[in-house]
Amino acid sequence: LEDAHDDSLEGRMRRQTEAAVQQADLVFMMIDARA
């Protein structure tokens, strides 16, 4: 996930992730516990 909402590559990647969330029954948000 990137904080981008334009038509850049990062923005298009974010829209793909948003589509995956909308189609999912369960979402795992992963973080790096060491960071």
PDB file of all heavy atoms in Angstrom:
ATOM      1  N   LEU A   1       0.826  -1.207   0.000  1.00  0.00           N
ATOM      2  CA  LEU A   1       0.000   0.000   0.000  1.00  0.00           C
ATOM      3  C   LEU A   1       0.861   1.259   0.000  1.00  0.00           C
ATOM      4  O   LEU A   1       1.805   1.382   0.777  1.00  0.00           O
ATOM      5  CB  LEU A   1      -0.912   0.007   1.226  1.00  0.00           C
ATOM      6  CG  LEU A   1      -2.165  -0.877   1.142  1.00  0.00           C
ATOM      7  CD1 LEU A   1      -2.779  -1.051   2.521  1.00  0.00           C
ATOM      8  CD2 LEU A   1      -3.181  -0.278   0.182  1.00  0.00           C
ATOM      9  N   GLU A   2       0.522   2.163  -0.897  1.00  0.00           N
ATOM     10  CA  GLU A   2       1.176   3.470  -0.962  1.00  0.00           C
ATOM     11  C   GLU A   2       0.102   4.548  -0.845  1.00  0.00           C
ATOM     12  O   GLU A   2      -1.035   4.359  -1.284  1.00  0.00           O
ATOM     13  CB  GLU A   2       1.930   3.642  -2.287  1.00  0.00           C
ATOM     14  CG  GLU A   2       3.012   2.596  -2.553  1.00  0.00           C
ATOM     15  CD  GLU A   2       4.315   2.901  -1.836  1.00  0.00           C
ATOM     16  OE1 GLU A   2       4.361   3.925  -1.123  1.00  0.00           O
ATOM     17  OE2 GLU A   2       5.276   2.129  -1.989  1.00  0.00           O
ATOM     18  N   ASP A   3       0.462   5.672  -0.255  1.00  0.00           N
ATOM     19  CA  ASP A   3      -0.500   6.772  -0.104  1.00  0.00           C
ATOM     20  C   ASP A   3      -0.514   7.586  -1.393  1.00  0.00           C
ATOM     21  O   ASP A   3       0.007   8.704  -1.462  1.00  0.00           O
ATOM     22  CB  ASP A   3      -0.113   7.644   1.095  1.00  0.00           C
ATOM     23  CG  ASP A   3      -1.210   8.649   1.426  1.00  0.00           C
ATOM     24  OD1 ASP A   3      -2.335   8.479   0.917  1.00  0.00           O
ATOM     25  OD2 ASP A   3      -0.933   9.603   2.182  1.00  0.00           O
ATOM     26  N   ALA A   4      -1.098   7.006  -2.428  1.00  0.00           N
ATOM     27  CA  ALA A   4      -1.155   7.656  -3.742  1.00  0.00           C
ATOM     28  C   ALA A   4      -2.549   7.462  -4.321  1.00  0.00           C
ATOM     29  O   ALA A   4      -3.091   6.350  -4.293  1.00  0.00           O
ATOM     30  CB  ALA A   4      -0.101   7.073  -4.684  1.00  0.00           C
ATOM     31  N   HIS A   5      -3.135   8.529  -4.834  1.00  0.00           N
ATOM     32  CA  HIS A   5      -4.495   8.476  -5.366  1.00  0.00           C
ATOM     33  C   HIS A   5      -4.558   8.989  -6.802  1.00  0.00           C
ATOM     34  O   HIS A   5      -5.648   9.209  -7.329  1.00  0.00           O
ATOM     35  CB  HIS A   5      -5.447   9.294  -4.491  1.00  0.00           C
ATOM     36  CG  HIS A   5      -5.561   8.773  -3.080  1.00  0.00           C
ATOM     37  ND1 HIS A   5      -6.488   7.830  -2.713  1.00  0.00           N
ATOM     38  CD2 HIS A   5      -4.832   9.058  -1.967  1.00  0.00           C
ATOM     39  CE1 HIS A   5      -6.350   7.559  -1.418  1.00  0.00           C
ATOM     40  NE2 HIS A   5      -5.355   8.288  -0.941  1.00  0.00           N
ATOM     41  N   ASP A   6      -3.415   9.177  -7.452  1.00  0.00           N
ATOM     42  CA  ASP A   6      -3.406   9.702  -8.817  1.00  0.00           C
ATOM     43  C   ASP A   6      -3.281   8.549  -9.808  1.00  0.00           C
ATOM     44  O   ASP A   6      -3.520   7.391  -9.471  1.00  0.00           O
ATOM     45  CB  ASP A   6      -2.253  10.695  -8.981  1.00  0.00           C
ATOM     46  CG  ASP A   6      -0.912  10.090  -8.551  1.00  0.00           C
ATOM     47  OD1 ASP A   6      -0.852   8.852  -8.366  1.00  0.00           O
ATOM     48  OD2 ASP A   6       0.073  10.852  -8.406  1.00  0.00           O
ATOM     49  N   ASP A   7      -2.908   8.843 -11.049  1.00  0.00           N
ATOM     50  CA  ASP A   7      -2.768   7.822 -12.074  1.00  0.00           C
ATOM     51  C   ASP A   7      -1.341   7.308 -12.196  1.00  0.00           C
ATOM     52  O   ASP A   7      -0.980   6.671 -13.196  1.00  0.00           O
ATOM     53  CB  ASP A   7      -3.227   8.371 -13.432  1.00  0.00           C
ATOM     54  CG  ASP A   7      -4.737   8.532 -13.501  1.00  0.00           C
ATOM     55  OD1 ASP A   7      -5.430   7.744 -12.821  1.00  0.00           O
ATOM     56  OD2 ASP A   7      -5.212   9.439 -14.204  1.00  0.00           O
ATOM     57  N   SER A   8      -0.520   7.587 -11.191  1.00  0.00           N
ATOM     58  CA  SER A   8       0.837   7.053 -11.196  1.00  0.00           C
ATOM     59  C   SER A   8       0.786   5.542 -11.000  1.00  0.00           C
ATOM     60  O   SER A   8      -0.265   4.958 -10.702  1.00  0.00           O
ATOM     61  CB  SER A   8       1.663   7.679 -10.075  1.00  0.00           C
ATOM     62  OG  SER A   8       1.119   7.324  -8.808  1.00  0.00           O
ATOM     63  N   LEU A   9       1.940   4.872 -11.168  1.00  0.00           N
ATOM     64  CA  LEU A   9       1.991   3.432 -10.977  1.00  0.00           C
ATOM     65  C   LEU A   9       1.571   3.059  -9.565  1.00  0.00           C
ATOM     66  O   LEU A   9       0.812   2.097  -9.366  1.00  0.00           O
ATOM     67  CB  LEU A   9       3.409   2.921 -11.262  1.00  0.00           C
ATOM     68  CG  LEU A   9       3.641   1.413 -11.090  1.00  0.00           C
ATOM     69  CD1 LEU A   9       2.710   0.616 -11.995  1.00  0.00           C
ATOM     70  CD2 LEU A   9       5.100   1.054 -11.353  1.00  0.00           C
ATOM     71  N   GLU A  10       2.012   3.819  -8.567  1.00  0.00           N
ATOM     72  CA  GLU A  10       1.637   3.525  -7.185  1.00  0.00           C
ATOM     73  C   GLU A  10       0.141   3.697  -6.975  1.00  0.00           C
ATOM     74  O   GLU A  10      -0.495   2.925  -6.242  1.00  0.00           O
ATOM     75  CB  GLU A  10       2.409   4.445  -6.221  1.00  0.00           C
ATOM     76  CG  GLU A  10       3.895   4.161  -6.115  1.00  0.00           C
ATOM     77  CD  GLU A  10       4.663   4.673  -7.331  1.00  0.00           C
ATOM     78  OE1 GLU A  10       4.080   5.468  -8.109  1.00  0.00           O
ATOM     79  OE2 GLU A  10       5.829   4.269  -7.507  1.00  0.00           O
ATOM     80  N   GLY A  11      -0.443   4.736  -7.615  1.00  0.00           N
ATOM     81  CA  GLY A  11      -1.880   4.946  -7.495  1.00  0.00           C
ATOM     82  C   GLY A  11      -2.677   3.806  -8.115  1.00  0.00           C
ATOM     83  O   GLY A  11      -3.699   3.371  -7.569  1.00  0.00           O
ATOM     84  N   ARG A  12      -2.227   3.299  -9.259  1.00  0.00           N
ATOM     85  CA  ARG A  12      -2.907   2.175  -9.904  1.00  0.00           C
ATOM     86  C   ARG A  12      -2.748   0.902  -9.077  1.00  0.00           C
ATOM     87  O   ARG A  12      -3.672   0.082  -9.002  1.00  0.00           O
ATOM     88  CB  ARG A  12      -2.359   1.966 -11.323  1.00  0.00           C
ATOM     89  CG  ARG A  12      -2.508   3.204 -12.207  1.00  0.00           C
ATOM     90  CD  ARG A  12      -2.372   2.891 -13.677  1.00  0.00           C
ATOM     91  NE  ARG A  12      -1.102   2.303 -14.059  1.00  0.00           N
ATOM     92  CZ  ARG A  12      -0.009   3.001 -14.368  1.00  0.00           C
ATOM     93  NH1 ARG A  12      -0.024   4.335 -14.310  1.00  0.00           N
ATOM     94  NH2 ARG A  12       1.092   2.390 -14.745  1.00  0.00           N
ATOM     95  N   MET A  13      -1.594   0.731  -8.453  1.00  0.00           N
ATOM     96  CA  MET A  13      -1.409  -0.421  -7.567  1.00  0.00           C
ATOM     97  C   MET A  13      -2.351  -0.345  -6.379  1.00  0.00           C
ATOM     98  O   MET A  13      -2.929  -1.352  -5.966  1.00  0.00           O
ATOM     99  CB  MET A  13       0.049  -0.476  -7.094  1.00  0.00           C
ATOM    100  CG  MET A  13       1.043  -0.852  -8.191  1.00  0.00           C
ATOM    101  SD  MET A  13       2.768  -0.458  -7.794  1.00  0.00           S
ATOM    102  CE  MET A  13       3.017  -1.393  -6.299  1.00  0.00           C
ATOM    103  N   ARG A  14      -2.546   0.855  -5.825  1.00  0.00           N
ATOM    104  CA  ARG A  14      -3.453   0.999  -4.685  1.00  0.00           C
ATOM    105  C   ARG A  14      -4.885   0.649  -5.084  1.00  0.00           C
ATOM    106  O   ARG A  14      -5.604  -0.002  -4.314  1.00  0.00           O
ATOM    107  CB  ARG A  14      -3.386   2.424  -4.142  1.00  0.00           C
ATOM    108  CG  ARG A  14      -4.413   2.647  -3.025  1.00  0.00           C
ATOM    109  CD  ARG A  14      -4.312   3.991  -2.381  1.00  0.00           C
ATOM    110  NE  ARG A  14      -5.404   4.154  -1.418  1.00  0.00           N
ATOM    111  CZ  ARG A  14      -5.274   4.702  -0.234  1.00  0.00           C
ATOM    112  NH1 ARG A  14      -4.100   5.132   0.165  1.00  0.00           N
ATOM    113  NH2 ARG A  14      -6.300   4.816   0.578  1.00  0.00           N
ATOM    114  N   ARG A  15      -5.295   1.036  -6.280  1.00  0.00           N
ATOM    115  CA  ARG A  15      -6.658   0.710  -6.712  1.00  0.00           C
ATOM    116  C   ARG A  15      -6.843  -0.803  -6.853  1.00  0.00           C
ATOM    117  O   ARG A  15      -7.927  -1.333  -6.587  1.00  0.00           O
ATOM    118  CB  ARG A  15      -6.967   1.418  -8.031  1.00  0.00           C
ATOM    119  CG  ARG A  15      -7.197   2.922  -7.859  1.00  0.00           C
ATOM    120  CD  ARG A  15      -7.854   3.535  -9.081  1.00  0.00           C
ATOM    121  NE  ARG A  15      -6.967   3.582 -10.230  1.00  0.00           N
ATOM    122  CZ  ARG A  15      -6.122   4.582 -10.472  1.00  0.00           C
ATOM    123  NH1 ARG A  15      -6.045   5.615  -9.643  1.00  0.00           N
ATOM    124  NH2 ARG A  15      -5.359   4.560 -11.555  1.00  0.00           N
ATOM    125  N   GLN A  16      -5.794  -1.507  -7.259  1.00  0.00           N
ATOM    126  CA  GLN A  16      -5.872  -2.966  -7.318  1.00  0.00           C
ATOM    127  C   GLN A  16      -6.072  -3.558  -5.921  1.00  0.00           C
ATOM    128  O   GLN A  16      -6.857  -4.489  -5.737  1.00  0.00           O
ATOM    129  CB  GLN A  16      -4.590  -3.524  -7.941  1.00  0.00           C
ATOM    130  CG  GLN A  16      -4.455  -3.290  -9.433  1.00  0.00           C
ATOM    131  CD  GLN A  16      -5.340  -4.214 -10.241  1.00  0.00           C
ATOM    132  OE1 GLN A  16      -5.542  -5.365  -9.888  1.00  0.00           O
ATOM    133  NE2 GLN A  16      -5.892  -3.704 -11.328  1.00  0.00           N
ATOM    134  N   THR A  17      -5.378  -2.995  -4.933  1.00  0.00           N
ATOM    135  CA  THR A  17      -5.522  -3.477  -3.561  1.00  0.00           C
ATOM    136  C   THR A  17      -6.918  -3.176  -3.031  1.00  0.00           C
ATOM    137  O   THR A  17      -7.535  -4.006  -2.356  1.00  0.00           O
ATOM    138  CB  THR A  17      -4.455  -2.838  -2.662  1.00  0.00           C
ATOM    139  OG1 THR A  17      -3.157  -3.196  -3.140  1.00  0.00           O
ATOM    140  CG2 THR A  17      -4.606  -3.300  -1.230  1.00  0.00           C
ATOM    141  N   GLU A  18      -7.434  -1.991  -3.315  1.00  0.00           N
ATOM    142  CA  GLU A  18      -8.780  -1.641  -2.879  1.00  0.00           C
ATOM    143  C   GLU A  18      -9.815  -2.580  -3.477  1.00  0.00           C
ATOM    144  O   GLU A  18     -10.784  -2.977  -2.806  1.00  0.00           O
ATOM    145  CB  GLU A  18      -9.086  -0.192  -3.254  1.00  0.00           C
ATOM    146  CG  GLU A  18      -8.282   0.831  -2.444  1.00  0.00           C
ATOM    147  CD  GLU A  18      -8.469   2.248  -2.937  1.00  0.00           C
ATOM    148  OE1 GLU A  18      -9.018   2.411  -4.052  1.00  0.00           O
ATOM    149  OE2 GLU A  18      -8.081   3.189  -2.223  1.00  0.00           O
ATOM    150  N   ALA A  19      -9.625  -2.974  -4.729  1.00  0.00           N
ATOM    151  CA  ALA A  19     -10.539  -3.921  -5.364  1.00  0.00           C
ATOM    152  C   ALA A  19     -10.481  -5.276  -4.670  1.00  0.00           C
ATOM    153  O   ALA A  19     -11.509  -5.947  -4.489  1.00  0.00           O
ATOM    154  CB  ALA A  19     -10.206  -4.068  -6.842  1.00  0.00           C
ATOM    155  N   ALA A  20      -9.265  -5.701  -4.272  1.00  0.00           N
ATOM    156  CA  ALA A  20      -9.125  -6.973  -3.564  1.00  0.00           C
ATOM    157  C   ALA A  20      -9.858  -6.946  -2.235  1.00  0.00           C
ATOM    158  O   ALA A  20     -10.494  -7.929  -1.838  1.00  0.00           O
ATOM    159  CB  ALA A  20      -7.642  -7.293  -3.351  1.00  0.00           C
ATOM    160  N   VAL A  21      -9.796  -5.817  -1.515  1.00  0.00           N
ATOM    161  CA  VAL A  21     -10.490  -5.684  -0.231  1.00  0.00           C
ATOM    162  C   VAL A  21     -11.994  -5.755  -0.431  1.00  0.00           C
ATOM    163  O   VAL A  21     -12.721  -6.418   0.332  1.00  0.00           O
ATOM    164  CB  VAL A  21     -10.079  -4.369   0.458  1.00  0.00           C
ATOM    165  CG1 VAL A  21     -10.970  -4.095   1.673  1.00  0.00           C
ATOM    166  CG2 VAL A  21      -8.618  -4.422   0.871  1.00  0.00           C
ATOM    167  N   GLN A  22     -12.508  -5.089  -1.451  1.00  0.00           N
ATOM    168  CA  GLN A  22     -13.937  -5.085  -1.708  1.00  0.00           C
ATOM    169  C   GLN A  22     -14.477  -6.474  -2.045  1.00  0.00           C
ATOM    170  O   GLN A  22     -15.631  -6.790  -1.729  1.00  0.00           O
ATOM    171  CB  GLN A  22     -14.258  -4.118  -2.846  1.00  0.00           C
ATOM    172  CG  GLN A  22     -14.009  -2.653  -2.505  1.00  0.00           C
ATOM    173  CD  GLN A  22     -14.121  -1.750  -3.712  1.00  0.00           C
ATOM    174  OE1 GLN A  22     -14.422  -2.205  -4.816  1.00  0.00           O
ATOM    175  NE2 GLN A  22     -13.871  -0.457  -3.511  1.00  0.00           N
ATOM    176  N   GLN A  23     -13.652  -7.311  -2.664  1.00  0.00           N
ATOM    177  CA  GLN A  23     -14.099  -8.642  -3.070  1.00  0.00           C
ATOM    178  C   GLN A  23     -13.831  -9.709  -2.018  1.00  0.00           C
ATOM    179  O   GLN A  23     -14.230 -10.859  -2.185  1.00  0.00           O
ATOM    180  CB  GLN A  23     -13.408  -9.049  -4.381  1.00  0.00           C
ATOM    181  CG  GLN A  23     -13.724  -8.121  -5.552  1.00  0.00           C
ATOM    182  CD  GLN A  23     -12.851  -8.393  -6.763  1.00  0.00           C
ATOM    183  OE1 GLN A  23     -12.147  -9.405  -6.830  1.00  0.00           O
ATOM    184  NE2 GLN A  23     -12.889  -7.501  -7.748  1.00  0.00           N
ATOM    185  N   ALA A  24     -13.161  -9.336  -0.924  1.00  0.00           N
ATOM    186  CA  ALA A  24     -12.751 -10.320   0.078  1.00  0.00           C
ATOM    187  C   ALA A  24     -13.841 -10.543   1.121  1.00  0.00           C
ATOM    188  O   ALA A  24     -14.712  -9.703   1.345  1.00  0.00           O
ATOM    189  CB  ALA A  24     -11.458  -9.869   0.759  1.00  0.00           C
ATOM    190  N   ASP A  25     -13.775 -11.707   1.781  1.00  0.00           N
ATOM    191  CA  ASP A  25     -14.635 -12.013   2.926  1.00  0.00           C
ATOM    192  C   ASP A  25     -13.917 -11.745   4.247  1.00  0.00           C
ATOM    193  O   ASP A  25     -14.560 -11.613   5.283  1.00  0.00           O
ATOM    194  CB  ASP A  25     -15.054 -13.488   2.883  1.00  0.00           C
ATOM    195  CG  ASP A  25     -15.802 -13.849   1.613  1.00  0.00           C
ATOM    196  OD1 ASP A  25     -16.860 -13.246   1.362  1.00  0.00           O
ATOM    197  OD2 ASP A  25     -15.303 -14.709   0.863  1.00  0.00           O
ATOM    198  N   LEU A  26     -12.601 -11.684   4.186  1.00  0.00           N
ATOM    199  CA  LEU A  26     -11.780 -11.455   5.371  1.00  0.00           C
ATOM    200  C   LEU A  26     -10.486 -10.797   4.923  1.00  0.00           C
ATOM    201  O   LEU A  26      -9.938 -11.165   3.884  1.00  0.00           O
ATOM    202  CB  LEU A  26     -11.489 -12.793   6.070  1.00  0.00           C
ATOM    203  CG  LEU A  26     -10.621 -12.783   7.321  1.00  0.00           C
ATOM    204  CD1 LEU A  26     -11.284 -11.987   8.437  1.00  0.00           C
ATOM    205  CD2 LEU A  26     -10.352 -14.218   7.795  1.00  0.00           C
ATOM    206  N   VAL A  27     -10.020  -9.819   5.697  1.00  0.00           N
ATOM    207  CA  VAL A  27      -8.807  -9.080   5.346  1.00  0.00           C
ATOM    208  C   VAL A  27      -7.784  -9.244   6.460  1.00  0.00           C
ATOM    209  O   VAL A  27      -8.097  -9.078   7.641  1.00  0.00           O
ATOM    210  CB  VAL A  27      -9.107  -7.580   5.120  1.00  0.00           C
ATOM    211  CG1 VAL A  27      -7.803  -6.803   4.917  1.00  0.00           C
ATOM    212  CG2 VAL A  27     -10.016  -7.402   3.910  1.00  0.00           C
ATOM    213  N   PHE A  28      -6.574  -9.604   6.073  1.00  0.00           N
ATOM    214  CA  PHE A  28      -5.449  -9.611   6.995  1.00  0.00           C
ATOM    215  C   PHE A  28      -4.585  -8.394   6.680  1.00  0.00           C
ATOM    216  O   PHE A  28      -4.010  -8.296   5.591  1.00  0.00           O
ATOM    217  CB  PHE A  28      -4.601 -10.876   6.826  1.00  0.00           C
ATOM    218  CG  PHE A  28      -5.259 -12.128   7.325  1.00  0.00           C
ATOM    219  CD1 PHE A  28      -4.908 -13.366   6.810  1.00  0.00           C
ATOM    220  CD2 PHE A  28      -6.230 -12.075   8.314  1.00  0.00           C
ATOM    221  CE1 PHE A  28      -5.502 -14.525   7.262  1.00  0.00           C
ATOM    222  CE2 PHE A  28      -6.838 -13.225   8.786  1.00  0.00           C
ATOM    223  CZ  PHE A  28      -6.482 -14.461   8.256  1.00  0.00           C
ATOM    224  N   MET A  29      -4.499  -7.460   7.629  1.00  0.00           N
ATOM    225  CA  MET A  29      -3.572  -6.342   7.473  1.00  0.00           C
ATOM    226  C   MET A  29      -2.269  -6.711   8.165  1.00  0.00           C
ATOM    227  O   MET A  29      -2.232  -6.930   9.380  1.00  0.00           O
ATOM    228  CB  MET A  29      -4.135  -5.062   8.080  1.00  0.00           C
ATOM    229  CG  MET A  29      -3.154  -3.899   7.966  1.00  0.00           C
ATOM    230  SD  MET A  29      -3.685  -2.423   8.809  1.00  0.00           S
ATOM    231  CE  MET A  29      -2.186  -1.420   8.657  1.00  0.00           C
ATOM    232  N   MET A  30      -1.205  -6.782   7.394  1.00  0.00           N
ATOM    233  CA  MET A  30       0.068  -7.237   7.933  1.00  0.00           C
ATOM    234  C   MET A  30       0.982  -6.053   8.226  1.00  0.00           C
ATOM    235  O   MET A  30       1.076  -5.121   7.424  1.00  0.00           O
ATOM    236  CB  MET A  30       0.735  -8.201   6.943  1.00  0.00           C
ATOM    237  CG  MET A  30       2.027  -8.815   7.470  1.00  0.00           C
ATOM    238  SD  MET A  30       2.744 -10.022   6.314  1.00  0.00           S
ATOM    239  CE  MET A  30       1.589 -11.371   6.518  1.00  0.00           C
ATOM    240  N   ILE A  31       1.624  -6.109   9.386  1.00  0.00           N
ATOM    241  CA  ILE A  31       2.637  -5.120   9.723  1.00  0.00           C
ATOM    242  C   ILE A  31       3.945  -5.847  10.047  1.00  0.00           C
ATOM    243  O   ILE A  31       3.952  -7.056  10.307  1.00  0.00           O
ATOM    244  CB  ILE A  31       2.221  -4.252  10.933  1.00  0.00           C
ATOM    245  CG1 ILE A  31       2.160  -5.100  12.217  1.00  0.00           C
ATOM    246  CG2 ILE A  31       0.897  -3.546  10.675  1.00  0.00           C
ATOM    247  CD1 ILE A  31       2.042  -4.286  13.492  1.00  0.00           C
ATOM    248  N   ASP A  32       5.035  -5.115  10.014  1.00  0.00           N
ATOM    249  CA  ASP A  32       6.342  -5.643  10.391  1.00  0.00           C
ATOM    250  C   ASP A  32       6.539  -5.360  11.873  1.00  0.00           C
ATOM    251  O   ASP A  32       6.772  -4.213  12.279  1.00  0.00           O
ATOM    252  CB  ASP A  32       7.434  -4.972   9.551  1.00  0.00           C
ATOM    253  CG  ASP A  32       8.820  -5.535   9.829  1.00  0.00           C
ATOM    254  OD1 ASP A  32       9.008  -6.179  10.883  1.00  0.00           O
ATOM    255  OD2 ASP A  32       9.719  -5.331   8.996  1.00  0.00           O
ATOM    256  N   ALA A  33       6.427  -6.392  12.716  1.00  0.00           N
ATOM    257  CA  ALA A  33       6.499  -6.185  14.161  1.00  0.00           C
ATOM    258  C   ALA A  33       7.882  -5.702  14.590  1.00  0.00           C
ATOM    259  O   ALA A  33       8.015  -4.995  15.596  1.00  0.00           O
ATOM    260  CB  ALA A  33       6.141  -7.469  14.900  1.00  0.00           C
ATOM    261  N   ARG A  34       8.907  -6.050  13.859  1.00  0.00           N
ATOM    262  CA  ARG A  34      10.254  -5.620  14.231  1.00  0.00           C
ATOM    263  C   ARG A  34      10.464  -4.133  13.948  1.00  0.00           C
ATOM    264  O   ARG A  34      11.264  -3.476  14.612  1.00  0.00           O
ATOM    265  CB  ARG A  34      11.294  -6.457  13.495  1.00  0.00           C
ATOM    266  CG  ARG A  34      11.298  -7.908  13.946  1.00  0.00           C
ATOM    267  CD  ARG A  34      12.319  -8.750  13.218  1.00  0.00           C
ATOM    268  NE  ARG A  34      12.272 -10.128  13.690  1.00  0.00           N
ATOM    269  CZ  ARG A  34      12.992 -10.615  14.691  1.00  0.00           C
ATOM    270  NH1 ARG A  34      13.836  -9.815  15.336  1.00  0.00           N
ATOM    271  NH2 ARG A  34      12.880 -11.874  15.060  1.00  0.00           N
ATOM    272  N   ALA A  35       9.749  -3.609  12.945  1.00  0.00           N
ATOM    273  CA  ALA A  35       9.836  -2.179  12.646  1.00  0.00           C
ATOM    274  C   ALA A  35       8.835  -1.370  13.460  1.00  0.00           C
ATOM    275  O   ALA A  35       8.938  -0.145  13.542  1.00  0.00           O
ATOM    276  CB  ALA A  35       9.609  -1.935  11.157  1.00  0.00           C
TER     277      ALA A  35
END
